[in-house]
Amino acid sequence: MLSVFDKYLRPFFQTLFVDPIAKFLTRSTFITPLFLTSLGCFVGLSAALAIWYQAPWLALFALLLSGYLDLLDGTLARLQDKSTPIGSVLDFFSDRVVDFAIVLALFGIAPHERGFLSLLMLGSIFLCVTSFLLVAIFVENHSEKGMHFSPGLIERGETFLFFFLMLCFPSGFAPLAWLFSGLVFFTAGIRLFQFCCNFSTSHISSEN
């Protein structure tokens, strides 16, 4: 179950816009993957602040930049052979900080009308992240990332797309929030279902 962005768009975007910049930055002794992670988190929080103060175009730009930096830091870490557990943890944590801040800012635009749906979105993200971490605990990591990465239908790219749409079409917040929450809940459910099936199959095979 691979997201549309990761399957179709990311390889193209990575080759054209991320890899060349990352290779250029490898020459720098000042710009590190951790610096890019911190900068991406700061820019993401700035996007939330722009949403709160009803500056949607500034928020859109900041969201795009934050998402780009989120791709760039991991690429730079791999090119410099500086992938560390600390970097992976801070990258994962900063992503969740930005997600929370954006949903909180979207809620702040119209608290009475958006309260329940904002809570639903946060709940879906919480359960989806929980499913991701639980699977990562019990599945051996064979990837270049800091932990086992079980891809889902809704990943970072799709999440940002929903945020963009909610900013561009505020009147459509309700249906977008319902759709987003439903897809994220579905992602969590499918991830757990696949893990249980694979674990049961491997356990039976080992007994035989």
N, C-alpha and C. Protein backbone atom coordinates (compact mmCIF):
# COMPACT_ATOMS: atom_id res chain seq x y z
N MET A 1 0.85 -1.19 0.00
CA MET A 1 0.00 0.00 0.00
C MET A 1 0.89 1.24 0.00
N LEU A 2 1.18 1.76 -1.17
CA LEU A 2 2.08 2.89 -1.31
C LEU A 2 1.30 4.13 -1.69
N SER A 3 1.64 5.27 -1.10
CA SER A 3 0.93 6.51 -1.40
C SER A 3 1.17 6.93 -2.84
N VAL A 4 0.23 7.69 -3.36
CA VAL A 4 0.33 8.16 -4.75
C VAL A 4 1.57 9.03 -4.93
N PHE A 5 1.83 9.89 -3.97
CA PHE A 5 2.99 10.78 -4.08
C PHE A 5 4.29 9.98 -4.10
N ASP A 6 4.43 9.04 -3.16
CA ASP A 6 5.66 8.26 -3.09
C ASP A 6 5.84 7.37 -4.30
N LYS A 7 4.75 6.86 -4.86
CA LYS A 7 4.84 5.91 -5.97
C LYS A 7 5.06 6.59 -7.31
N TYR A 8 4.36 7.70 -7.54
CA TYR A 8 4.39 8.30 -8.88
C TYR A 8 5.13 9.64 -8.96
N LEU A 9 5.01 10.46 -7.95
CA LEU A 9 5.54 11.82 -8.05
C LEU A 9 6.90 12.00 -7.39
N ARG A 10 7.11 11.34 -6.26
CA ARG A 10 8.37 11.57 -5.54
C ARG A 10 9.61 11.21 -6.33
N PRO A 11 9.67 10.06 -7.04
CA PRO A 11 10.90 9.76 -7.80
C PRO A 11 11.25 10.86 -8.80
N PHE A 12 10.24 11.39 -9.49
CA PHE A 12 10.46 12.46 -10.45
C PHE A 12 10.91 13.74 -9.75
N PHE A 13 10.20 14.12 -8.68
CA PHE A 13 10.53 15.33 -7.93
C PHE A 13 11.90 15.20 -7.28
N GLN A 14 12.19 14.02 -6.75
CA GLN A 14 13.47 13.78 -6.08
C GLN A 14 14.63 13.96 -7.05
N THR A 15 14.49 13.41 -8.24
CA THR A 15 15.57 13.46 -9.23
C THR A 15 15.84 14.88 -9.72
N LEU A 16 14.75 15.63 -9.95
CA LEU A 16 14.90 16.95 -10.55
C LEU A 16 15.19 18.06 -9.55
N PHE A 17 14.58 18.00 -8.38
CA PHE A 17 14.62 19.16 -7.48
C PHE A 17 15.31 18.92 -6.14
N VAL A 18 15.48 17.68 -5.75
CA VAL A 18 16.05 17.41 -4.42
C VAL A 18 17.50 16.96 -4.53
N ASP A 19 17.75 15.94 -5.32
CA ASP A 19 19.11 15.38 -5.43
C ASP A 19 20.15 16.41 -5.85
N PRO A 20 19.89 17.25 -6.87
CA PRO A 20 20.92 18.23 -7.27
C PRO A 20 21.27 19.21 -6.15
N ILE A 21 20.26 19.69 -5.43
CA ILE A 21 20.52 20.63 -4.33
C ILE A 21 21.26 19.94 -3.20
N ALA A 22 20.85 18.70 -2.89
CA ALA A 22 21.52 17.96 -1.82
C ALA A 22 22.99 17.72 -2.17
N LYS A 23 23.27 17.38 -3.42
CA LYS A 23 24.66 17.16 -3.83
C LYS A 23 25.47 18.45 -3.73
N PHE A 24 24.84 19.57 -4.07
CA PHE A 24 25.52 20.86 -3.94
C PHE A 24 25.82 21.17 -2.48
N LEU A 25 24.88 20.86 -1.59
CA LEU A 25 25.04 21.17 -0.17
C LEU A 25 26.08 20.29 0.51
N THR A 26 26.43 19.16 -0.11
CA THR A 26 27.45 18.31 0.49
C THR A 26 28.81 19.02 0.56
N ARG A 27 28.97 20.06 -0.26
CA ARG A 27 30.24 20.81 -0.24
C ARG A 27 30.32 21.75 0.96
N SER A 28 29.18 22.02 1.56
CA SER A 28 29.14 22.97 2.67
C SER A 28 29.48 22.28 3.98
N THR A 29 30.22 22.97 4.81
CA THR A 29 30.55 22.44 6.14
C THR A 29 29.62 23.02 7.20
N PHE A 30 28.76 23.95 6.80
CA PHE A 30 27.88 24.62 7.76
C PHE A 30 26.46 24.06 7.73
N ILE A 31 26.00 23.67 6.55
CA ILE A 31 24.63 23.17 6.42
C ILE A 31 24.63 21.66 6.63
N THR A 32 24.02 21.23 7.70
CA THR A 32 23.98 19.82 8.06
C THR A 32 22.54 19.31 7.95
N PRO A 33 22.34 18.00 7.90
CA PRO A 33 20.97 17.46 7.89
C PRO A 33 20.16 17.92 9.10
N LEU A 34 20.80 17.97 10.27
CA LEU A 34 20.09 18.40 11.47
C LEU A 34 19.66 19.86 11.37
N PHE A 35 20.49 20.68 10.76
CA PHE A 35 20.13 22.08 10.55
C PHE A 35 18.90 22.18 9.64
N LEU A 36 18.87 21.38 8.57
CA LEU A 36 17.73 21.41 7.65
C LEU A 36 16.46 20.90 8.33
N THR A 37 16.60 19.89 9.18
CA THR A 37 15.44 19.39 9.93
C THR A 37 14.88 20.48 10.83
N SER A 38 15.76 21.18 11.54
CA SER A 38 15.34 22.26 12.44
C SER A 38 14.71 23.40 11.66
N LEU A 39 15.32 23.73 10.53
CA LEU A 39 14.79 24.80 9.70
C LEU A 39 13.42 24.43 9.15
N GLY A 40 13.26 23.18 8.71
CA GLY A 40 11.97 22.73 8.20
C GLY A 40 10.88 22.81 9.25
N CYS A 41 11.22 22.47 10.49
CA CYS A 41 10.26 22.56 11.58
C CYS A 41 9.89 24.01 11.86
N PHE A 42 10.88 24.88 11.86
CA PHE A 42 10.63 26.30 12.09
C PHE A 42 9.74 26.90 11.00
N VAL A 43 10.04 26.55 9.75
CA VAL A 43 9.23 27.07 8.64
C VAL A 43 7.80 26.52 8.71
N GLY A 44 7.66 25.24 9.10
CA GLY A 44 6.33 24.66 9.25
C GLY A 44 5.53 25.36 10.33
N LEU A 45 6.19 25.69 11.44
CA LEU A 45 5.51 26.45 12.50
C LEU A 45 5.16 27.86 12.03
N SER A 46 6.01 28.43 11.19
CA SER A 46 5.70 29.74 10.61
C SER A 46 4.46 29.66 9.72
N ALA A 47 4.30 28.55 9.01
CA ALA A 47 3.11 28.35 8.19
C ALA A 47 1.86 28.32 9.06
N ALA A 48 1.95 27.63 10.20
CA ALA A 48 0.82 27.59 11.12
C ALA A 48 0.49 28.98 11.64
N LEU A 49 1.53 29.76 11.94
CA LEU A 49 1.32 31.12 12.42
C LEU A 49 0.66 31.98 11.34
N ALA A 50 1.07 31.78 10.09
CA ALA A 50 0.46 32.53 8.98
C ALA A 50 -1.01 32.15 8.81
N ILE A 51 -1.33 30.88 8.99
CA ILE A 51 -2.73 30.45 8.92
C ILE A 51 -3.54 31.12 10.03
N TRP A 52 -2.97 31.14 11.22
CA TRP A 52 -3.66 31.70 12.38
C TRP A 52 -3.99 33.18 12.16
N TYR A 53 -3.06 33.89 11.50
CA TYR A 53 -3.27 35.31 11.24
C TYR A 53 -3.85 35.55 9.85
N GLN A 54 -4.41 34.51 9.27
CA GLN A 54 -5.16 34.58 8.01
C GLN A 54 -4.33 35.19 6.88
N ALA A 55 -3.17 34.62 6.68
CA ALA A 55 -2.31 34.96 5.54
C ALA A 55 -2.09 33.68 4.74
N PRO A 56 -3.12 33.24 4.00
CA PRO A 56 -3.08 31.91 3.38
C PRO A 56 -1.96 31.73 2.35
N TRP A 57 -1.67 32.77 1.58
CA TRP A 57 -0.64 32.61 0.55
C TRP A 57 0.74 32.47 1.17
N LEU A 58 0.99 33.19 2.24
CA LEU A 58 2.25 33.04 2.96
C LEU A 58 2.33 31.65 3.58
N ALA A 59 1.19 31.18 4.09
CA ALA A 59 1.14 29.85 4.68
C ALA A 59 1.41 28.77 3.64
N LEU A 60 0.86 28.93 2.46
CA LEU A 60 1.08 27.96 1.39
C LEU A 60 2.56 27.88 1.01
N PHE A 61 3.17 29.05 0.89
CA PHE A 61 4.60 29.08 0.55
C PHE A 61 5.43 28.41 1.64
N ALA A 62 5.12 28.73 2.90
CA ALA A 62 5.88 28.15 4.01
C ALA A 62 5.67 26.64 4.09
N LEU A 63 4.46 26.17 3.80
CA LEU A 63 4.20 24.73 3.80
C LEU A 63 5.01 24.03 2.72
N LEU A 64 5.02 24.62 1.54
CA LEU A 64 5.81 24.03 0.45
C LEU A 64 7.29 23.96 0.81
N LEU A 65 7.80 25.03 1.39
CA LEU A 65 9.22 25.07 1.76
C LEU A 65 9.50 24.06 2.88
N SER A 66 8.61 23.95 3.83
CA SER A 66 8.79 23.00 4.92
C SER A 66 8.81 21.56 4.40
N GLY A 67 7.89 21.26 3.48
CA GLY A 67 7.87 19.93 2.89
C GLY A 67 9.11 19.63 2.08
N TYR A 68 9.60 20.64 1.37
CA TYR A 68 10.82 20.46 0.58
C TYR A 68 12.01 20.19 1.49
N LEU A 69 12.13 20.94 2.57
CA LEU A 69 13.23 20.74 3.51
C LEU A 69 13.15 19.37 4.17
N ASP A 70 11.94 18.87 4.34
CA ASP A 70 11.75 17.54 4.92
C ASP A 70 12.31 16.45 4.00
N LEU A 71 12.22 16.67 2.70
CA LEU A 71 12.83 15.74 1.74
C LEU A 71 14.34 15.93 1.67
N LEU A 72 14.76 17.17 1.77
CA LEU A 72 16.17 17.50 1.56
C LEU A 72 17.06 17.01 2.70
N ASP A 73 16.56 17.07 3.93
CA ASP A 73 17.44 16.71 5.05
C ASP A 73 17.81 15.22 5.02
N GLY A 74 16.86 14.37 4.71
CA GLY A 74 17.16 12.94 4.63
C GLY A 74 18.09 12.61 3.48
N THR A 75 17.88 13.27 2.35
CA THR A 75 18.74 13.03 1.19
C THR A 75 20.18 13.46 1.49
N LEU A 76 20.32 14.62 2.12
CA LEU A 76 21.66 15.10 2.47
C LEU A 76 22.33 14.17 3.48
N ALA A 77 21.56 13.66 4.43
CA ALA A 77 22.13 12.75 5.43
C ALA A 77 22.67 11.48 4.77
N ARG A 78 21.93 10.97 3.80
CA ARG A 78 22.39 9.75 3.12
C ARG A 78 23.61 10.01 2.25
N LEU A 79 23.64 11.16 1.58
CA LEU A 79 24.78 11.49 0.73
C LEU A 79 26.04 11.72 1.56
N GLN A 80 25.89 12.30 2.74
CA GLN A 80 27.03 12.56 3.60
C GLN A 80 27.32 11.40 4.54
N ASP A 81 26.52 10.36 4.42
CA ASP A 81 26.66 9.21 5.31
C ASP A 81 26.56 9.64 6.77
N LYS A 82 25.57 10.49 7.06
CA LYS A 82 25.37 11.01 8.41
C LYS A 82 24.01 10.63 8.96
N SER A 83 23.42 9.56 8.46
CA SER A 83 22.14 9.09 8.98
C SER A 83 22.36 8.52 10.37
N THR A 84 21.73 9.12 11.37
CA THR A 84 21.91 8.70 12.76
C THR A 84 20.55 8.51 13.42
N PRO A 85 20.50 7.73 14.51
CA PRO A 85 19.25 7.59 15.25
C PRO A 85 18.71 8.93 15.75
N ILE A 86 19.61 9.83 16.17
CA ILE A 86 19.17 11.14 16.64
C ILE A 86 18.50 11.91 15.50
N GLY A 87 19.10 11.87 14.33
CA GLY A 87 18.52 12.56 13.18
C GLY A 87 17.16 12.00 12.81
N SER A 88 17.03 10.68 12.83
CA SER A 88 15.76 10.04 12.49
C SER A 88 14.68 10.42 13.50
N VAL A 89 15.03 10.40 14.78
CA VAL A 89 14.06 10.74 15.83
C VAL A 89 13.62 12.19 15.72
N LEU A 90 14.56 13.10 15.56
CA LEU A 90 14.21 14.51 15.47
C LEU A 90 13.42 14.82 14.21
N ASP A 91 13.75 14.15 13.10
CA ASP A 91 13.02 14.35 11.86
C ASP A 91 11.57 13.89 12.02
N PHE A 92 11.38 12.71 12.59
CA PHE A 92 10.04 12.17 12.80
C PHE A 92 9.25 13.05 13.76
N PHE A 93 9.89 13.48 14.84
CA PHE A 93 9.21 14.30 15.84
C PHE A 93 8.84 15.67 15.28
N SER A 94 9.74 16.29 14.53
CA SER A 94 9.46 17.61 13.98
C SER A 94 8.31 17.56 12.98
N ASP A 95 8.20 16.46 12.23
CA ASP A 95 7.07 16.30 11.31
C ASP A 95 5.75 16.33 12.07
N ARG A 96 5.71 15.63 13.22
CA ARG A 96 4.47 15.58 14.00
C ARG A 96 4.18 16.95 14.63
N VAL A 97 5.23 17.67 15.02
CA VAL A 97 5.04 19.01 15.57
C VAL A 97 4.37 19.91 14.54
N VAL A 98 4.86 19.85 13.31
CA VAL A 98 4.29 20.68 12.23
C VAL A 98 2.85 20.26 11.94
N ASP A 99 2.59 18.95 11.86
CA ASP A 99 1.22 18.48 11.62
C ASP A 99 0.27 19.02 12.68
N PHE A 100 0.67 18.89 13.94
CA PHE A 100 -0.18 19.36 15.03
C PHE A 100 -0.43 20.87 14.93
N ALA A 101 0.65 21.62 14.66
CA ALA A 101 0.53 23.08 14.58
C ALA A 101 -0.40 23.50 13.44
N ILE A 102 -0.31 22.82 12.30
CA ILE A 102 -1.16 23.18 11.15
C ILE A 102 -2.63 22.90 11.46
N VAL A 103 -2.91 21.72 12.02
CA VAL A 103 -4.31 21.39 12.35
C VAL A 103 -4.84 22.36 13.40
N LEU A 104 -4.02 22.70 14.39
CA LEU A 104 -4.44 23.66 15.41
C LEU A 104 -4.75 25.02 14.79
N ALA A 105 -3.92 25.44 13.84
CA ALA A 105 -4.15 26.73 13.17
C ALA A 105 -5.42 26.69 12.32
N LEU A 106 -5.66 25.59 11.62
CA LEU A 106 -6.88 25.45 10.83
C LEU A 106 -8.11 25.49 11.73
N PHE A 107 -7.99 24.88 12.90
CA PHE A 107 -9.07 24.95 13.88
C PHE A 107 -9.31 26.38 14.34
N GLY A 108 -8.21 27.14 14.55
CA GLY A 108 -8.33 28.49 15.07
C GLY A 108 -9.04 29.46 14.14
N ILE A 109 -9.14 29.11 12.85
CA ILE A 109 -9.85 29.99 11.91
C ILE A 109 -11.33 30.09 12.27
N ALA A 110 -11.93 28.96 12.64
CA ALA A 110 -13.36 28.93 12.99
C ALA A 110 -13.56 27.84 14.04
N PRO A 111 -13.22 28.12 15.30
CA PRO A 111 -13.24 27.09 16.35
C PRO A 111 -14.58 26.39 16.52
N HIS A 112 -15.67 27.14 16.48
CA HIS A 112 -16.98 26.53 16.72
C HIS A 112 -17.39 25.59 15.59
N GLU A 113 -17.09 25.98 14.36
CA GLU A 113 -17.49 25.15 13.22
C GLU A 113 -16.52 23.99 12.98
N ARG A 114 -15.26 24.15 13.34
CA ARG A 114 -14.24 23.17 12.98
C ARG A 114 -13.75 22.32 14.15
N GLY A 115 -14.32 22.53 15.32
CA GLY A 115 -13.82 21.86 16.50
C GLY A 115 -13.81 20.34 16.41
N PHE A 116 -14.95 19.76 16.10
CA PHE A 116 -15.05 18.30 16.05
C PHE A 116 -14.17 17.72 14.95
N LEU A 117 -14.20 18.33 13.77
CA LEU A 117 -13.43 17.79 12.65
C LEU A 117 -11.93 17.92 12.89
N SER A 118 -11.51 18.99 13.53
CA SER A 118 -10.09 19.14 13.85
C SER A 118 -9.66 18.06 14.84
N LEU A 119 -10.52 17.78 15.83
CA LEU A 119 -10.23 16.71 16.78
C LEU A 119 -10.18 15.36 16.08
N LEU A 120 -11.08 15.16 15.12
CA LEU A 120 -11.10 13.91 14.36
C LEU A 120 -9.81 13.75 13.55
N MET A 121 -9.34 14.83 12.94
CA MET A 121 -8.10 14.77 12.17
C MET A 121 -6.92 14.43 13.07
N LEU A 122 -6.85 15.08 14.23
CA LEU A 122 -5.75 14.79 15.15
C LEU A 122 -5.82 13.36 15.66
N GLY A 123 -7.03 12.89 15.92
CA GLY A 123 -7.18 11.50 16.38
C GLY A 123 -6.74 10.51 15.32
N SER A 124 -7.07 10.77 14.08
CA SER A 124 -6.67 9.86 13.00
C SER A 124 -5.16 9.85 12.84
N ILE A 125 -4.54 11.02 12.94
CA ILE A 125 -3.07 11.09 12.85
C ILE A 125 -2.44 10.35 14.02
N PHE A 126 -2.99 10.52 15.20
CA PHE A 126 -2.46 9.86 16.40
C PHE A 126 -2.49 8.35 16.25
N LEU A 127 -3.62 7.80 15.81
CA LEU A 127 -3.73 6.35 15.67
C LEU A 127 -2.87 5.83 14.53
N CYS A 128 -2.76 6.59 13.47
CA CYS A 128 -1.94 6.17 12.33
C CYS A 128 -0.47 6.13 12.71
N VAL A 129 0.00 7.15 13.43
CA VAL A 129 1.39 7.17 13.88
C VAL A 129 1.64 6.02 14.87
N THR A 130 0.64 5.75 15.72
CA THR A 130 0.78 4.64 16.66
C THR A 130 0.93 3.32 15.92
N SER A 131 0.13 3.11 14.88
CA SER A 131 0.23 1.87 14.10
C SER A 131 1.59 1.77 13.42
N PHE A 132 2.09 2.89 12.94
CA PHE A 132 3.40 2.91 12.28
C PHE A 132 4.51 2.52 13.25
N LEU A 133 4.48 3.09 14.44
CA LEU A 133 5.53 2.82 15.42
C LEU A 133 5.45 1.39 15.95
N LEU A 134 4.24 0.89 16.16
CA LEU A 134 4.09 -0.48 16.65
C LEU A 134 4.64 -1.49 15.64
N VAL A 135 4.33 -1.28 14.38
CA VAL A 135 4.83 -2.18 13.34
C VAL A 135 6.36 -2.07 13.26
N ALA A 136 6.88 -0.84 13.40
CA ALA A 136 8.33 -0.64 13.31
C ALA A 136 9.06 -1.36 14.44
N ILE A 137 8.41 -1.53 15.59
CA ILE A 137 9.04 -2.22 16.72
C ILE A 137 9.30 -3.68 16.40
N PHE A 138 8.34 -4.31 15.73
CA PHE A 138 8.38 -5.76 15.57
C PHE A 138 8.87 -6.24 14.20
N VAL A 139 9.10 -5.32 13.30
CA VAL A 139 9.60 -5.70 11.97
C VAL A 139 11.04 -5.24 11.83
N GLU A 140 11.89 -6.14 11.42
CA GLU A 140 13.31 -5.82 11.26
C GLU A 140 13.51 -4.80 10.15
N ASN A 141 14.37 -3.84 10.41
CA ASN A 141 14.60 -2.77 9.45
C ASN A 141 15.66 -3.18 8.43
N HIS A 142 15.28 -3.14 7.14
CA HIS A 142 16.23 -3.43 6.06
C HIS A 142 16.41 -2.22 5.14
N SER A 143 15.85 -1.08 5.53
CA SER A 143 15.91 0.12 4.69
C SER A 143 17.04 1.01 5.14
N GLU A 144 17.22 2.11 4.41
CA GLU A 144 18.26 3.08 4.74
C GLU A 144 17.78 4.08 5.78
N LYS A 145 16.51 3.96 6.19
CA LYS A 145 15.96 4.84 7.20
C LYS A 145 16.32 4.34 8.59
N GLY A 146 16.04 5.15 9.60
CA GLY A 146 16.41 4.79 10.95
C GLY A 146 15.56 3.70 11.57
N MET A 147 14.43 3.38 10.97
CA MET A 147 13.54 2.34 11.46
C MET A 147 12.80 1.72 10.29
N HIS A 148 12.13 0.61 10.56
CA HIS A 148 11.34 0.00 9.49
C HIS A 148 10.25 0.98 9.07
N PHE A 149 10.13 1.20 7.77
CA PHE A 149 9.15 2.14 7.25
C PHE A 149 8.06 1.37 6.52
N SER A 150 6.87 1.35 7.11
CA SER A 150 5.74 0.69 6.47
C SER A 150 4.90 1.75 5.76
N PRO A 151 4.97 1.81 4.44
CA PRO A 151 4.27 2.87 3.70
C PRO A 151 2.76 2.75 3.83
N GLY A 152 2.09 3.88 3.73
CA GLY A 152 0.64 3.92 3.83
C GLY A 152 0.01 4.68 2.69
N LEU A 153 -1.29 4.66 2.66
CA LEU A 153 -2.02 5.36 1.61
C LEU A 153 -1.87 6.88 1.75
N ILE A 154 -1.87 7.36 2.99
CA ILE A 154 -1.71 8.78 3.25
C ILE A 154 -0.37 9.00 3.94
N GLU A 155 0.53 9.65 3.25
CA GLU A 155 1.84 9.96 3.79
C GLU A 155 2.03 11.48 3.84
N ARG A 156 3.25 11.92 3.97
CA ARG A 156 3.54 13.35 4.14
C ARG A 156 3.04 14.17 2.95
N GLY A 157 3.27 13.68 1.75
CA GLY A 157 2.86 14.43 0.57
C GLY A 157 1.36 14.61 0.50
N GLU A 158 0.60 13.54 0.75
CA GLU A 158 -0.86 13.62 0.71
C GLU A 158 -1.40 14.50 1.84
N THR A 159 -0.75 14.41 3.01
CA THR A 159 -1.18 15.25 4.14
C THR A 159 -1.04 16.73 3.80
N PHE A 160 0.10 17.08 3.21
CA PHE A 160 0.30 18.48 2.82
C PHE A 160 -0.68 18.90 1.73
N LEU A 161 -1.01 17.98 0.83
CA LEU A 161 -1.98 18.30 -0.21
C LEU A 161 -3.33 18.65 0.40
N PHE A 162 -3.76 17.90 1.38
CA PHE A 162 -5.02 18.21 2.06
C PHE A 162 -4.93 19.56 2.76
N PHE A 163 -3.82 19.84 3.40
CA PHE A 163 -3.65 21.14 4.04
C PHE A 163 -3.73 22.27 3.01
N PHE A 164 -3.10 22.08 1.85
CA PHE A 164 -3.15 23.09 0.80
C PHE A 164 -4.59 23.34 0.36
N LEU A 165 -5.33 22.25 0.14
CA LEU A 165 -6.71 22.37 -0.32
C LEU A 165 -7.59 23.06 0.72
N MET A 166 -7.35 22.76 1.99
CA MET A 166 -8.12 23.41 3.05
C MET A 166 -7.86 24.90 3.12
N LEU A 167 -6.63 25.28 2.77
CA LEU A 167 -6.30 26.70 2.75
C LEU A 167 -6.86 27.40 1.52
N CYS A 168 -6.78 26.71 0.38
CA CYS A 168 -7.25 27.31 -0.88
C CYS A 168 -8.77 27.35 -0.96
N PHE A 169 -9.42 26.37 -0.35
CA PHE A 169 -10.89 26.27 -0.41
C PHE A 169 -11.45 26.12 0.99
N PRO A 170 -11.43 27.21 1.77
CA PRO A 170 -11.88 27.12 3.17
C PRO A 170 -13.32 26.66 3.32
N SER A 171 -14.16 26.94 2.32
CA SER A 171 -15.56 26.49 2.41
C SER A 171 -15.68 24.99 2.29
N GLY A 172 -14.64 24.35 1.76
CA GLY A 172 -14.65 22.89 1.63
C GLY A 172 -13.92 22.18 2.75
N PHE A 173 -13.69 22.90 3.85
CA PHE A 173 -12.94 22.29 4.96
C PHE A 173 -13.61 21.03 5.48
N ALA A 174 -14.93 21.08 5.67
CA ALA A 174 -15.63 19.94 6.26
C ALA A 174 -15.49 18.66 5.44
N PRO A 175 -15.84 18.66 4.14
CA PRO A 175 -15.67 17.42 3.38
C PRO A 175 -14.21 16.98 3.26
N LEU A 176 -13.29 17.93 3.16
CA LEU A 176 -11.87 17.58 3.08
C LEU A 176 -11.40 16.94 4.39
N ALA A 177 -11.87 17.48 5.52
CA ALA A 177 -11.48 16.94 6.82
C ALA A 177 -12.05 15.53 7.01
N TRP A 178 -13.29 15.33 6.60
CA TRP A 178 -13.88 13.99 6.68
C TRP A 178 -13.11 13.00 5.82
N LEU A 179 -12.80 13.42 4.59
CA LEU A 179 -12.09 12.53 3.68
C LEU A 179 -10.68 12.23 4.20
N PHE A 180 -9.99 13.26 4.64
CA PHE A 180 -8.64 13.06 5.17
C PHE A 180 -8.66 12.09 6.35
N SER A 181 -9.53 12.34 7.31
CA SER A 181 -9.59 11.50 8.50
C SER A 181 -9.92 10.06 8.13
N GLY A 182 -10.87 9.88 7.22
CA GLY A 182 -11.24 8.54 6.80
C GLY A 182 -10.09 7.80 6.15
N LEU A 183 -9.35 8.47 5.29
CA LEU A 183 -8.22 7.83 4.61
C LEU A 183 -7.08 7.52 5.58
N VAL A 184 -6.88 8.39 6.57
CA VAL A 184 -5.82 8.14 7.54
C VAL A 184 -6.20 6.98 8.46
N PHE A 185 -7.46 6.93 8.89
CA PHE A 185 -7.93 5.78 9.67
C PHE A 185 -7.79 4.49 8.85
N PHE A 186 -8.12 4.57 7.58
CA PHE A 186 -8.01 3.41 6.70
C PHE A 186 -6.55 2.96 6.58
N THR A 187 -5.65 3.93 6.45
CA THR A 187 -4.22 3.61 6.37
C THR A 187 -3.76 2.86 7.62
N ALA A 188 -4.18 3.35 8.79
CA ALA A 188 -3.80 2.68 10.05
C ALA A 188 -4.35 1.26 10.10
N GLY A 189 -5.62 1.11 9.70
CA GLY A 189 -6.24 -0.21 9.74
C GLY A 189 -5.59 -1.20 8.79
N ILE A 190 -5.31 -0.75 7.57
CA ILE A 190 -4.67 -1.64 6.59
C ILE A 190 -3.26 -2.01 7.04
N ARG A 191 -2.53 -1.06 7.62
CA ARG A 191 -1.17 -1.34 8.09
C ARG A 191 -1.19 -2.43 9.17
N LEU A 192 -2.12 -2.33 10.11
CA LEU A 192 -2.22 -3.34 11.16
C LEU A 192 -2.67 -4.69 10.60
N PHE A 193 -3.60 -4.64 9.66
CA PHE A 193 -4.10 -5.88 9.05
C PHE A 193 -2.98 -6.60 8.30
N GLN A 194 -2.19 -5.85 7.53
CA GLN A 194 -1.09 -6.45 6.78
C GLN A 194 -0.03 -7.02 7.73
N PHE A 195 0.24 -6.29 8.80
CA PHE A 195 1.22 -6.78 9.77
C PHE A 195 0.76 -8.08 10.41
N CYS A 196 -0.51 -8.12 10.82
CA CYS A 196 -1.04 -9.33 11.46
C CYS A 196 -1.01 -10.52 10.50
N CYS A 197 -1.37 -10.29 9.26
CA CYS A 197 -1.35 -11.37 8.26
C CYS A 197 0.07 -11.86 8.02
N ASN A 198 1.00 -10.94 7.85
CA ASN A 198 2.39 -11.32 7.59
C ASN A 198 3.01 -12.01 8.80
N PHE A 199 2.70 -11.51 9.99
CA PHE A 199 3.24 -12.11 11.20
C PHE A 199 2.70 -13.52 11.40
N SER A 200 1.41 -13.70 11.15
CA SER A 200 0.80 -15.02 11.31
C SER A 200 1.40 -16.00 10.31
N THR A 201 1.60 -15.56 9.07
CA THR A 201 2.16 -16.42 8.03
C THR A 201 3.58 -16.83 8.37
N SER A 202 4.41 -15.86 8.79
CA SER A 202 5.81 -16.17 9.12
C SER A 202 5.89 -17.05 10.36
N HIS A 203 4.97 -16.87 11.31
CA HIS A 203 4.98 -17.69 12.53
C HIS A 203 4.62 -19.12 12.22
N ILE A 204 3.64 -19.30 11.35
CA ILE A 204 3.24 -20.65 10.95
C ILE A 204 4.37 -21.34 10.19
N SER A 205 5.05 -20.57 9.31
CA SER A 205 6.15 -21.14 8.51
C SER A 205 7.30 -21.56 9.41
N SER A 206 7.61 -20.77 10.44
CA SER A 206 8.71 -21.11 11.33
C SER A 206 8.39 -22.34 12.16
N GLU A 207 7.13 -22.56 12.50
CA GLU A 207 6.74 -23.75 13.26
C GLU A 207 6.85 -25.01 12.41
N ASN A 208 6.55 -24.86 11.11
CA ASN A 208 6.63 -26.00 10.21
C ASN A 208 8.08 -26.31 9.84
